[in-house]
Amino acid sequence: MECIITRRANFSASHRYWLPEISETENIEKFGTSSRFPGHGHNYVLFVSLIGEINEYGMVQNLSKVKKILHQEVTSQLDNSYLNHTWSEFTQTLPTTENIARVIWNRLIGHLPLVNIQLFEHPELWADYQGKSMEAHLTVSTHFSAAHRLAHPHLTDAENYEIYGKCARPHGHGHNYHLEVTVKGEIDPRIGTIVDLEALHKVIDDHVIQLFDHTFLNKDIPYFAEVIPTTENMTIHIRDLLKLPIQELGAHLYKVKLIESPNNYSEAYS
């Protein structure tokens, strides 16, 4: 019987985005504040997922051994380090979040039956790598606040209340929405990114946040004049708004996840 287990680990490290083959001005234009000397740091959170058959002891892997391997092969080497100089792989390809995840996979795959490496640079940026050459996923998280009313335009107030309950009240209600956008692409063999992160943030801000934030969705967003702004419909609409602009950045939109509350969220794949 096959099962997937995940082990968490942490390390703190610094890095710098800097290419010696281009000028200082070009590095600043390309990487912004991330090019500053001597670098900047993060408290990285690593999730290592393993797949395998459950053995006679009820385990896929002995987690004590997994912990030891992660310490020996990853965290003891990366913790409190300057990544650019720590592993030779980072002299060829910059230590971006997605490339760090890729290199960790390559260093662990000989020891553990990996299925996914997930690396958080911070709570609003993380990468997933699954051993597919240079392909990786990058997720950014953001938020907006909006109000909506759930009511079908062709039903009476009583009928809407029967379907949607308190969400059908005429003055609506609001949420602090959390939005996660995942893109897929090939890691650039020199720069280490799958997409220009600043450009990705701008696309999300221009096409979603500026449009949705502090609005009454039913009245302020033309799309929702006829379409009921449920979390599901919002997720689909956001996916459709982002697909082409992200493609124009050279990446592919993989998934949109919209969290309405701690109890409810919706996902749509592209």
C-alpha atoms as a PDB file:
ATOM      1  CA  MET A   1       0.000   0.000   0.000  1.00  0.00           C
ATOM      2  CA  GLU A   2       1.641   3.220  -1.227  1.00  0.00           C
ATOM      3  CA  CYS A   3       1.613   6.419   0.813  1.00  0.00           C
ATOM      4  CA  ILE A   4       3.234   9.877   0.794  1.00  0.00           C
ATOM      5  CA  ILE A   5       4.807  11.339   3.925  1.00  0.00           C
ATOM      6  CA  THR A   6       6.306  14.813   4.434  1.00  0.00           C
ATOM      7  CA  ARG A   7       9.077  15.974   6.740  1.00  0.00           C
ATOM      8  CA  ARG A   8       9.635  19.634   7.641  1.00  0.00           C
ATOM      9  CA  ALA A   9      13.030  21.258   8.134  1.00  0.00           C
ATOM     10  CA  ASN A  10      14.381  24.790   8.529  1.00  0.00           C
ATOM     11  CA  PHE A  11      17.508  26.738   7.730  1.00  0.00           C
ATOM     12  CA  SER A  12      18.475  30.391   7.700  1.00  0.00           C
ATOM     13  CA  ALA A  13      20.727  31.626   4.927  1.00  0.00           C
ATOM     14  CA  SER A  14      21.670  34.655   2.875  1.00  0.00           C
ATOM     15  CA  HIS A  15      22.133  35.055  -0.858  1.00  0.00           C
ATOM     16  CA  ARG A  16      22.713  37.687  -3.494  1.00  0.00           C
ATOM     17  CA  TYR A  17      21.435  37.966  -7.042  1.00  0.00           C
ATOM     18  CA  TRP A  18      24.483  39.123  -8.969  1.00  0.00           C
ATOM     19  CA  LEU A  19      25.970  38.155 -12.315  1.00  0.00           C
ATOM     20  CA  PRO A  20      29.682  39.052 -12.593  1.00  0.00           C
ATOM     21  CA  GLU A  21      29.524  38.979 -16.397  1.00  0.00           C
ATOM     22  CA  ILE A  22      27.287  42.061 -16.558  1.00  0.00           C
ATOM     23  CA  SER A  23      27.751  45.562 -15.177  1.00  0.00           C
ATOM     24  CA  GLU A  24      26.599  46.875 -11.821  1.00  0.00           C
ATOM     25  CA  THR A  25      23.957  48.984 -13.560  1.00  0.00           C
ATOM     26  CA  GLU A  26      22.643  45.945 -15.433  1.00  0.00           C
ATOM     27  CA  ASN A  27      22.550  43.874 -12.233  1.00  0.00           C
ATOM     28  CA  ILE A  28      20.564  46.577 -10.444  1.00  0.00           C
ATOM     29  CA  GLU A  29      18.149  46.827 -13.393  1.00  0.00           C
ATOM     30  CA  LYS A  30      17.672  43.058 -13.470  1.00  0.00           C
ATOM     31  CA  PHE A  31      17.570  42.214  -9.757  1.00  0.00           C
ATOM     32  CA  GLY A  32      16.795  45.482  -7.951  1.00  0.00           C
ATOM     33  CA  THR A  33      17.533  45.479  -4.219  1.00  0.00           C
ATOM     34  CA  SER A  34      18.364  41.754  -4.350  1.00  0.00           C
ATOM     35  CA  SER A  35      21.645  42.720  -6.039  1.00  0.00           C
ATOM     36  CA  ARG A  36      22.890  44.726  -3.063  1.00  0.00           C
ATOM     37  CA  PHE A  37      26.185  43.761  -1.491  1.00  0.00           C
ATOM     38  CA  PRO A  38      26.748  41.647   0.555  1.00  0.00           C
ATOM     39  CA  GLY A  39      23.299  40.069   0.159  1.00  0.00           C
ATOM     40  CA  HIS A  40      20.105  39.498   2.116  1.00  0.00           C
ATOM     41  CA  GLY A  41      18.705  36.574   4.073  1.00  0.00           C
ATOM     42  CA  HIS A  42      15.643  34.445   4.757  1.00  0.00           C
ATOM     43  CA  ASN A  43      14.337  31.936   7.251  1.00  0.00           C
ATOM     44  CA  TYR A  44      13.678  29.110   4.806  1.00  0.00           C
ATOM     45  CA  VAL A  45      11.126  26.393   5.542  1.00  0.00           C
ATOM     46  CA  LEU A  46      11.600  23.117   3.672  1.00  0.00           C
ATOM     47  CA  PHE A  47       9.032  20.358   3.164  1.00  0.00           C
ATOM     48  CA  VAL A  48      10.386  17.070   1.829  1.00  0.00           C
ATOM     49  CA  SER A  49       7.727  14.640   0.568  1.00  0.00           C
ATOM     50  CA  LEU A  50       8.530  10.942   0.172  1.00  0.00           C
ATOM     51  CA  ILE A  51       6.595   8.154  -1.484  1.00  0.00           C
ATOM     52  CA  GLY A  52       6.686   4.428  -0.847  1.00  0.00           C
ATOM     53  CA  GLU A  53       5.021   1.294   0.381  1.00  0.00           C
ATOM     54  CA  ILE A  54       4.077   1.063   4.045  1.00  0.00           C
ATOM     55  CA  ASN A  55       6.386  -1.493   5.619  1.00  0.00           C
ATOM     56  CA  GLU A  56       5.729  -4.034   8.362  1.00  0.00           C
ATOM     57  CA  TYR A  57       6.461  -1.359  10.975  1.00  0.00           C
ATOM     58  CA  GLY A  58       3.744   0.901   9.587  1.00  0.00           C
ATOM     59  CA  MET A  59       6.135   3.390   8.010  1.00  0.00           C
ATOM     60  CA  VAL A  60       7.128   4.576   4.545  1.00  0.00           C
ATOM     61  CA  GLN A  61      10.469   5.703   5.957  1.00  0.00           C
ATOM     62  CA  ASN A  62      11.861   5.847   9.466  1.00  0.00           C
ATOM     63  CA  LEU A  63      11.524   9.577  10.216  1.00  0.00           C
ATOM     64  CA  SER A  64      14.496   9.503  12.554  1.00  0.00           C
ATOM     65  CA  LYS A  65      16.658   8.409   9.617  1.00  0.00           C
ATOM     66  CA  VAL A  66      14.984  10.978   7.351  1.00  0.00           C
ATOM     67  CA  LYS A  67      15.749  13.707   9.885  1.00  0.00           C
ATOM     68  CA  LYS A  68      19.380  12.603  10.026  1.00  0.00           C
ATOM     69  CA  ILE A  69      19.714  12.608   6.228  1.00  0.00           C
ATOM     70  CA  LEU A  70      18.156  16.060   5.908  1.00  0.00           C
ATOM     71  CA  HIS A  71      20.518  17.409   8.541  1.00  0.00           C
ATOM     72  CA  GLN A  72      23.565  15.773   7.022  1.00  0.00           C
ATOM     73  CA  GLU A  73      22.857  16.573   3.373  1.00  0.00           C
ATOM     74  CA  VAL A  74      21.015  19.917   3.608  1.00  0.00           C
ATOM     75  CA  THR A  75      20.424  21.883   6.773  1.00  0.00           C
ATOM     76  CA  SER A  76      23.843  21.447   8.407  1.00  0.00           C
ATOM     77  CA  GLN A  77      25.432  22.768   5.215  1.00  0.00           C
ATOM     78  CA  LEU A  78      22.987  25.570   4.421  1.00  0.00           C
ATOM     79  CA  ASP A  79      22.072  26.902   7.845  1.00  0.00           C
ATOM     80  CA  ASN A  80      23.738  30.252   8.587  1.00  0.00           C
ATOM     81  CA  SER A  81      25.475  30.155   5.211  1.00  0.00           C
ATOM     82  CA  TYR A  82      25.977  32.463   2.248  1.00  0.00           C
ATOM     83  CA  LEU A  83      24.332  30.323  -0.433  1.00  0.00           C
ATOM     84  CA  ASN A  84      26.243  31.715  -3.408  1.00  0.00           C
ATOM     85  CA  HIS A  85      29.488  30.286  -1.974  1.00  0.00           C
ATOM     86  CA  THR A  86      28.156  27.207  -0.165  1.00  0.00           C
ATOM     87  CA  TRP A  87      27.257  24.800  -2.965  1.00  0.00           C
ATOM     88  CA  SER A  88      29.028  24.736  -6.328  1.00  0.00           C
ATOM     89  CA  GLU A  89      25.680  24.513  -8.152  1.00  0.00           C
ATOM     90  CA  PHE A  90      24.963  28.113  -7.156  1.00  0.00           C
ATOM     91  CA  THR A  91      28.011  29.461  -8.974  1.00  0.00           C
ATOM     92  CA  GLN A  92      26.471  28.254 -12.239  1.00  0.00           C
ATOM     93  CA  THR A  93      22.823  29.080 -11.476  1.00  0.00           C
ATOM     94  CA  LEU A  94      21.821  31.723  -8.931  1.00  0.00           C
ATOM     95  CA  PRO A  95      20.285  30.507  -5.634  1.00  0.00           C
ATOM     96  CA  THR A  96      16.689  31.529  -6.291  1.00  0.00           C
ATOM     97  CA  THR A  97      13.911  29.799  -4.389  1.00  0.00           C
ATOM     98  CA  GLU A  98      13.066  27.512  -7.298  1.00  0.00           C
ATOM     99  CA  ASN A  99      16.707  26.652  -7.982  1.00  0.00           C
ATOM    100  CA  ILE A 100      17.476  25.946  -4.327  1.00  0.00           C
ATOM    101  CA  ALA A 101      14.547  23.501  -4.343  1.00  0.00           C
ATOM    102  CA  ARG A 102      15.939  21.837  -7.482  1.00  0.00           C
ATOM    103  CA  VAL A 103      19.441  21.480  -6.045  1.00  0.00           C
ATOM    104  CA  ILE A 104      18.115  20.106  -2.746  1.00  0.00           C
ATOM    105  CA  TRP A 105      16.205  17.479  -4.747  1.00  0.00           C
ATOM    106  CA  ASN A 106      19.354  16.498  -6.639  1.00  0.00           C
ATOM    107  CA  ARG A 107      21.305  16.162  -3.390  1.00  0.00           C
ATOM    108  CA  LEU A 108      18.627  14.054  -1.678  1.00  0.00           C
ATOM    109  CA  ILE A 109      17.341  11.828  -4.474  1.00  0.00           C
ATOM    110  CA  GLY A 110      20.150   9.313  -3.946  1.00  0.00           C
ATOM    111  CA  HIS A 111      19.137   8.934  -0.298  1.00  0.00           C
ATOM    112  CA  LEU A 112      15.341   9.230  -0.223  1.00  0.00           C
ATOM    113  CA  PRO A 113      12.351   8.309  -2.456  1.00  0.00           C
ATOM    114  CA  LEU A 114      11.377  11.895  -3.204  1.00  0.00           C
ATOM    115  CA  VAL A 115       8.089  12.971  -4.748  1.00  0.00           C
ATOM    116  CA  ASN A 116       8.209  16.731  -4.050  1.00  0.00           C
ATOM    117  CA  ILE A 117      10.463  19.400  -2.590  1.00  0.00           C
ATOM    118  CA  GLN A 118       8.641  22.497  -1.376  1.00  0.00           C
ATOM    119  CA  LEU A 119      10.685  25.461  -0.217  1.00  0.00           C
ATOM    120  CA  PHE A 120       9.274  28.597   1.396  1.00  0.00           C
ATOM    121  CA  GLU A 121      11.453  31.687   1.124  1.00  0.00           C
ATOM    122  CA  HIS A 122       8.813  33.462   3.197  1.00  0.00           C
ATOM    123  CA  PRO A 123       5.069  32.899   3.778  1.00  0.00           C
ATOM    124  CA  GLU A 124       4.120  34.669   0.528  1.00  0.00           C
ATOM    125  CA  LEU A 125       6.644  33.001  -1.801  1.00  0.00           C
ATOM    126  CA  TRP A 126       7.475  29.334  -2.283  1.00  0.00           C
ATOM    127  CA  ALA A 127       8.609  26.857  -4.912  1.00  0.00           C
ATOM    128  CA  ASP A 128       7.834  23.216  -5.674  1.00  0.00           C
ATOM    129  CA  TYR A 129      10.160  20.886  -7.554  1.00  0.00           C
ATOM    130  CA  GLN A 130       9.375  17.314  -8.593  1.00  0.00           C
ATOM    131  CA  GLY A 131      12.472  16.119 -10.389  1.00  0.00           C
ATOM    132  CA  LYS A 132      11.443  17.116 -13.914  1.00  0.00           C
ATOM    133  CA  SER A 133      14.767  18.440 -15.185  1.00  0.00           C
ATOM    134  CA  MET A 134      14.591  22.257 -15.017  1.00  0.00           C
ATOM    135  CA  GLU A 135      10.794  22.506 -14.589  1.00  0.00           C
ATOM    136  CA  ALA A 136       9.522  24.024 -11.351  1.00  0.00           C
ATOM    137  CA  HIS A 137       6.469  25.695  -9.859  1.00  0.00           C
ATOM    138  CA  LEU A 138       6.537  29.059  -8.116  1.00  0.00           C
ATOM    139  CA  THR A 139       3.697  30.359  -5.937  1.00  0.00           C
ATOM    140  CA  VAL A 140       3.088  33.906  -4.781  1.00  0.00           C
ATOM    141  CA  SER A 141       0.469  34.815  -2.196  1.00  0.00           C
ATOM    142  CA  THR A 142      -1.336  38.120  -1.862  1.00  0.00           C
ATOM    143  CA  HIS A 143      -4.666  39.432  -0.582  1.00  0.00           C
ATOM    144  CA  PHE A 144      -7.565  41.764  -1.214  1.00  0.00           C
ATOM    145  CA  SER A 145     -10.750  42.767   0.602  1.00  0.00           C
ATOM    146  CA  ALA A 146     -14.142  42.765  -1.081  1.00  0.00           C
ATOM    147  CA  ALA A 147     -17.860  42.448  -0.410  1.00  0.00           C
ATOM    148  CA  HIS A 148     -20.439  40.390  -2.275  1.00  0.00           C
ATOM    149  CA  ARG A 149     -23.973  39.142  -2.158  1.00  0.00           C
ATOM    150  CA  LEU A 150     -24.883  35.609  -3.176  1.00  0.00           C
ATOM    151  CA  ALA A 151     -28.239  35.793  -4.947  1.00  0.00           C
ATOM    152  CA  HIS A 152     -29.530  34.475  -8.237  1.00  0.00           C
ATOM    153  CA  PRO A 153     -31.017  37.407 -10.206  1.00  0.00           C
ATOM    154  CA  HIS A 154     -34.056  35.408 -11.349  1.00  0.00           C
ATOM    155  CA  LEU A 155     -35.098  34.216  -7.893  1.00  0.00           C
ATOM    156  CA  THR A 156     -37.037  35.947  -5.148  1.00  0.00           C
ATOM    157  CA  ASP A 157     -35.387  37.059  -1.926  1.00  0.00           C
ATOM    158  CA  ALA A 158     -37.054  34.159  -0.138  1.00  0.00           C
ATOM    159  CA  GLU A 159     -35.784  31.648  -2.704  1.00  0.00           C
ATOM    160  CA  ASN A 160     -32.282  33.074  -2.548  1.00  0.00           C
ATOM    161  CA  TYR A 161     -32.270  32.959   1.234  1.00  0.00           C
ATOM    162  CA  GLU A 162     -33.280  29.298   1.083  1.00  0.00           C
ATOM    163  CA  ILE A 163     -30.255  28.527  -1.148  1.00  0.00           C
ATOM    164  CA  TYR A 164     -27.597  30.902   0.171  1.00  0.00           C
ATOM    165  CA  GLY A 165     -28.758  31.584   3.714  1.00  0.00           C
ATOM    166  CA  LYS A 166     -27.330  34.743   5.346  1.00  0.00           C
ATOM    167  CA  CYS A 167     -25.086  35.279   2.305  1.00  0.00           C
ATOM    168  CA  ALA A 168     -28.207  36.414   0.406  1.00  0.00           C
ATOM    169  CA  ARG A 169     -28.914  39.394   2.656  1.00  0.00           C
ATOM    170  CA  PRO A 170     -29.500  42.476   0.473  1.00  0.00           C
ATOM    171  CA  HIS A 171     -26.564  44.561   1.705  1.00  0.00           C
ATOM    172  CA  GLY A 172     -24.040  41.784   1.258  1.00  0.00           C
ATOM    173  CA  HIS A 173     -21.064  40.917   3.425  1.00  0.00           C
ATOM    174  CA  GLY A 174     -17.287  41.028   3.090  1.00  0.00           C
ATOM    175  CA  HIS A 175     -14.142  38.921   3.257  1.00  0.00           C
ATOM    176  CA  ASN A 176     -10.403  39.340   3.474  1.00  0.00           C
ATOM    177  CA  TYR A 177      -9.511  37.111   0.545  1.00  0.00           C
ATOM    178  CA  HIS A 178      -6.134  35.415   0.262  1.00  0.00           C
ATOM    179  CA  LEU A 179      -5.014  34.662  -3.266  1.00  0.00           C
ATOM    180  CA  GLU A 180      -2.332  32.174  -4.287  1.00  0.00           C
ATOM    181  CA  VAL A 181      -1.109  32.147  -7.877  1.00  0.00           C
ATOM    182  CA  THR A 182       1.104  29.269  -9.034  1.00  0.00           C
ATOM    183  CA  VAL A 183       3.080  29.449 -12.262  1.00  0.00           C
ATOM    184  CA  LYS A 184       5.049  26.717 -14.010  1.00  0.00           C
ATOM    185  CA  GLY A 185       8.132  27.107 -16.155  1.00  0.00           C
ATOM    186  CA  GLU A 186      11.717  26.192 -16.915  1.00  0.00           C
ATOM    187  CA  ILE A 187      14.419  27.415 -14.542  1.00  0.00           C
ATOM    188  CA  ASP A 188      16.771  29.708 -16.412  1.00  0.00           C
ATOM    189  CA  PRO A 189      20.158  27.926 -16.300  1.00  0.00           C
ATOM    190  CA  ARG A 190      22.006  31.123 -15.364  1.00  0.00           C
ATOM    191  CA  ILE A 191      19.557  33.414 -13.576  1.00  0.00           C
ATOM    192  CA  GLY A 192      17.742  30.601 -11.753  1.00  0.00           C
ATOM    193  CA  THR A 193      14.204  31.931 -12.151  1.00  0.00           C
ATOM    194  CA  ILE A 194      11.186  30.629 -14.062  1.00  0.00           C
ATOM    195  CA  VAL A 195       9.644  34.086 -14.305  1.00  0.00           C
ATOM    196  CA  ASP A 196      10.509  37.685 -13.503  1.00  0.00           C
ATOM    197  CA  LEU A 197       9.099  37.885  -9.972  1.00  0.00           C
ATOM    198  CA  GLU A 198       8.594  41.640 -10.004  1.00  0.00           C
ATOM    199  CA  ALA A 199       6.760  41.392 -13.335  1.00  0.00           C
ATOM    200  CA  LEU A 200       4.587  38.569 -11.975  1.00  0.00           C
ATOM    201  CA  HIS A 201       3.603  40.647  -8.939  1.00  0.00           C
ATOM    202  CA  LYS A 202       2.741  43.532 -11.245  1.00  0.00           C
ATOM    203  CA  VAL A 203       0.542  41.348 -13.448  1.00  0.00           C
ATOM    204  CA  ILE A 204      -1.380  40.076 -10.417  1.00  0.00           C
ATOM    205  CA  ASP A 205      -1.715  43.581  -9.023  1.00  0.00           C
ATOM    206  CA  ASP A 206      -2.789  45.153 -12.330  1.00  0.00           C
ATOM    207  CA  HIS A 207      -5.237  42.461 -13.396  1.00  0.00           C
ATOM    208  CA  VAL A 208      -6.694  41.322 -10.067  1.00  0.00           C
ATOM    209  CA  ILE A 209      -5.866  43.331  -6.957  1.00  0.00           C
ATOM    210  CA  GLN A 210      -6.532  46.784  -8.415  1.00  0.00           C
ATOM    211  CA  LEU A 211      -9.754  45.467  -9.939  1.00  0.00           C
ATOM    212  CA  PHE A 212     -11.103  43.568  -6.919  1.00  0.00           C
ATOM    213  CA  ASP A 213      -9.774  45.296  -3.801  1.00  0.00           C
ATOM    214  CA  HIS A 214     -12.297  47.298  -1.747  1.00  0.00           C
ATOM    215  CA  THR A 215     -15.180  46.662  -4.138  1.00  0.00           C
ATOM    216  CA  PHE A 216     -18.719  45.385  -3.903  1.00  0.00           C
ATOM    217  CA  LEU A 217     -18.246  42.642  -6.466  1.00  0.00           C
ATOM    218  CA  ASN A 218     -21.840  42.445  -7.688  1.00  0.00           C
ATOM    219  CA  LYS A 219     -21.939  46.158  -8.497  1.00  0.00           C
ATOM    220  CA  ASP A 220     -18.335  47.175  -9.192  1.00  0.00           C
ATOM    221  CA  ILE A 221     -17.124  44.276 -11.357  1.00  0.00           C
ATOM    222  CA  PRO A 222     -19.068  44.058 -14.660  1.00  0.00           C
ATOM    223  CA  TYR A 223     -18.455  40.301 -14.914  1.00  0.00           C
ATOM    224  CA  PHE A 224     -20.432  39.731 -11.708  1.00  0.00           C
ATOM    225  CA  ALA A 225     -23.461  41.727 -12.805  1.00  0.00           C
ATOM    226  CA  GLU A 226     -24.855  38.433 -14.124  1.00  0.00           C
ATOM    227  CA  VAL A 227     -22.475  35.843 -12.661  1.00  0.00           C
ATOM    228  CA  ILE A 228     -22.947  35.082  -8.960  1.00  0.00           C
ATOM    229  CA  PRO A 229     -19.684  35.998  -7.159  1.00  0.00           C
ATOM    230  CA  THR A 230     -19.202  32.755  -5.281  1.00  0.00           C
ATOM    231  CA  THR A 231     -15.645  31.816  -4.404  1.00  0.00           C
ATOM    232  CA  GLU A 232     -15.760  29.257  -7.208  1.00  0.00           C
ATOM    233  CA  ASN A 233     -16.814  31.783  -9.854  1.00  0.00           C
ATOM    234  CA  MET A 234     -14.297  34.319  -8.570  1.00  0.00           C
ATOM    235  CA  THR A 235     -11.509  31.748  -8.834  1.00  0.00           C
ATOM    236  CA  ILE A 236     -12.397  30.882 -12.423  1.00  0.00           C
ATOM    237  CA  HIS A 237     -12.596  34.555 -13.382  1.00  0.00           C
ATOM    238  CA  ILE A 238      -9.234  35.354 -11.782  1.00  0.00           C
ATOM    239  CA  ARG A 239      -7.677  32.396 -13.602  1.00  0.00           C
ATOM    240  CA  ASP A 240      -9.031  33.676 -16.915  1.00  0.00           C
ATOM    241  CA  LEU A 241      -7.801  37.204 -16.206  1.00  0.00           C
ATOM    242  CA  LEU A 242      -4.264  36.016 -15.457  1.00  0.00           C
ATOM    243  CA  LYS A 243      -3.693  33.275 -18.024  1.00  0.00           C
ATOM    244  CA  LEU A 244      -2.638  35.404 -21.003  1.00  0.00           C
ATOM    245  CA  PRO A 245      -0.628  38.074 -19.111  1.00  0.00           C
ATOM    246  CA  ILE A 246       1.400  35.356 -17.364  1.00  0.00           C
ATOM    247  CA  GLN A 247       1.941  33.583 -20.661  1.00  0.00           C
ATOM    248  CA  GLU A 248       3.320  36.846 -22.042  1.00  0.00           C
ATOM    249  CA  LEU A 249       5.921  36.768 -19.236  1.00  0.00           C
ATOM    250  CA  GLY A 250       7.182  33.446 -20.579  1.00  0.00           C
ATOM    251  CA  ALA A 251       5.613  31.225 -17.911  1.00  0.00           C
ATOM    252  CA  HIS A 252       2.420  29.190 -17.692  1.00  0.00           C
ATOM    253  CA  LEU A 253      -0.339  29.756 -15.152  1.00  0.00           C
ATOM    254  CA  TYR A 254      -0.711  26.457 -13.304  1.00  0.00           C
ATOM    255  CA  LYS A 255      -3.219  27.111 -10.522  1.00  0.00           C
ATOM    256  CA  VAL A 256      -5.227  29.803  -8.785  1.00  0.00           C
ATOM    257  CA  LYS A 257      -6.296  29.259  -5.187  1.00  0.00           C
ATOM    258  CA  LEU A 258      -8.697  31.694  -3.545  1.00  0.00           C
ATOM    259  CA  ILE A 259      -9.176  31.459   0.219  1.00  0.00           C
ATOM    260  CA  GLU A 260     -12.382  33.132   1.350  1.00  0.00           C
ATOM    261  CA  SER A 261     -12.001  32.157   5.011  1.00  0.00           C
ATOM    262  CA  PRO A 262     -10.148  29.548   7.082  1.00  0.00           C
ATOM    263  CA  ASN A 263     -13.073  27.233   6.341  1.00  0.00           C
ATOM    264  CA  ASN A 264     -13.516  27.768   2.587  1.00  0.00           C
ATOM    265  CA  TYR A 265     -11.280  27.930  -0.449  1.00  0.00           C
ATOM    266  CA  SER A 266     -11.502  27.163  -4.137  1.00  0.00           C
ATOM    267  CA  GLU A 267      -8.890  26.089  -6.695  1.00  0.00           C
ATOM    268  CA  ALA A 268      -8.831  26.263 -10.488  1.00  0.00           C
ATOM    269  CA  TYR A 269      -6.171  24.817 -12.755  1.00  0.00           C
ATOM    270  CA  SER A 270      -5.194  26.223 -16.100  1.00  0.00           C
END
